[in-house]
Amino acid sequence: MTKPTVDELGIDLAALDWKRSGNDEVAIEVAFVGEWTLLRTSGELVSVFDENEWACFLDGVKKGEFDGAAS
C-alpha cells in the first residue's frame, strides 16, 4: 500500500481530534486516522506517517534525537 497524501485521505482536518503537545503557539498536534498518524506544526503543514514511521519517530524522540531541532 502506498502512503497517501493528506488530500488523498479526503478528510476534513478541522474535524479531527488533534492532540496538542502544549498550549503555546509552537506546540505540535497529532491526529490518528485509521492506520495513519497525522502530525502538524503550524496548522498548515501536515505530515502523514504509517505505523512503522510513527514508531521510529517516537523512538527518536525518546532517544533525544530531536532535542537540538528547536534551538
Protein backbone atom coordinates (compact mmCIF):
# COMPACT_ATOMS: atom_id res chain seq x y z
CA MET A 1 0.00 0.00 0.00
CA THR A 2 1.32 3.42 -0.93
CA LYS A 3 1.23 6.10 1.74
CA PRO A 4 -1.45 8.69 0.87
CA THR A 5 -1.12 12.45 1.00
CA VAL A 6 -3.47 14.41 3.22
CA ASP A 7 -5.52 15.34 0.14
CA GLU A 8 -5.78 11.68 -0.90
CA LEU A 9 -7.12 10.78 2.55
CA GLY A 10 -10.05 13.07 1.76
CA ILE A 11 -10.67 14.08 5.36
CA ASP A 12 -11.67 17.36 6.97
CA LEU A 13 -8.62 18.28 9.06
CA ALA A 14 -10.69 20.67 11.17
CA ALA A 15 -12.99 17.82 12.20
CA LEU A 16 -10.19 15.63 13.61
CA ASP A 17 -9.46 15.17 17.30
CA TRP A 18 -5.99 16.77 17.41
CA LYS A 19 -3.83 16.09 20.48
CA ARG A 20 -1.57 19.06 21.37
CA SER A 21 1.89 18.86 22.91
CA GLY A 22 1.28 22.11 24.81
CA ASN A 23 -0.80 25.26 24.94
CA ASP A 24 1.55 27.73 23.26
CA GLU A 25 1.82 28.63 19.56
CA VAL A 26 4.78 26.34 18.87
CA ALA A 27 3.04 23.15 20.01
CA ILE A 28 2.76 20.21 17.65
CA GLU A 29 -0.52 18.40 17.08
CA VAL A 30 -1.17 14.75 16.30
CA ALA A 31 -4.33 13.06 14.99
CA PHE A 32 -4.96 9.39 14.23
CA VAL A 33 -6.95 8.38 11.13
CA GLY A 34 -7.27 4.63 10.73
CA GLU A 35 -3.76 3.25 10.23
CA TRP A 36 -2.31 6.72 9.57
CA THR A 37 -0.88 9.25 12.00
CA LEU A 38 -1.02 12.92 11.05
CA LEU A 39 1.37 15.46 12.55
CA ARG A 40 1.14 19.22 12.11
CA THR A 41 3.22 22.06 13.44
CA SER A 42 1.51 25.25 12.33
CA GLY A 43 -1.94 24.10 11.32
CA GLU A 44 -0.91 24.24 7.66
CA LEU A 45 1.90 21.72 7.22
CA VAL A 46 0.60 18.21 7.81
CA SER A 47 2.79 15.10 7.55
CA VAL A 48 1.40 11.58 7.16
CA PHE A 49 3.14 8.66 8.91
CA ASP A 50 2.44 4.96 8.58
CA GLU A 51 2.63 2.78 11.71
CA ASN A 52 6.33 1.92 11.27
CA GLU A 53 7.36 5.51 10.55
CA TRP A 54 5.44 6.74 13.60
CA ALA A 55 7.09 4.11 15.82
CA CYS A 56 10.53 5.17 14.52
CA PHE A 57 9.71 8.84 15.09
CA LEU A 58 8.62 8.18 18.68
CA ASP A 59 11.75 6.11 19.27
CA GLY A 60 13.89 9.03 18.06
CA VAL A 61 12.04 11.45 20.32
CA LYS A 62 12.59 9.18 23.32
CA LYS A 63 16.30 8.95 22.50
CA GLY A 64 16.64 12.75 22.26
CA GLU A 65 17.43 12.81 18.55
CA PHE A 66 15.37 15.97 18.03
CA ASP A 67 16.38 17.88 21.17
CA GLY A 68 18.56 20.33 19.22
CA ALA A 69 15.98 20.98 16.49
CA ALA A 70 14.20 23.74 18.38
CA SER A 71 17.33 25.79 19.08
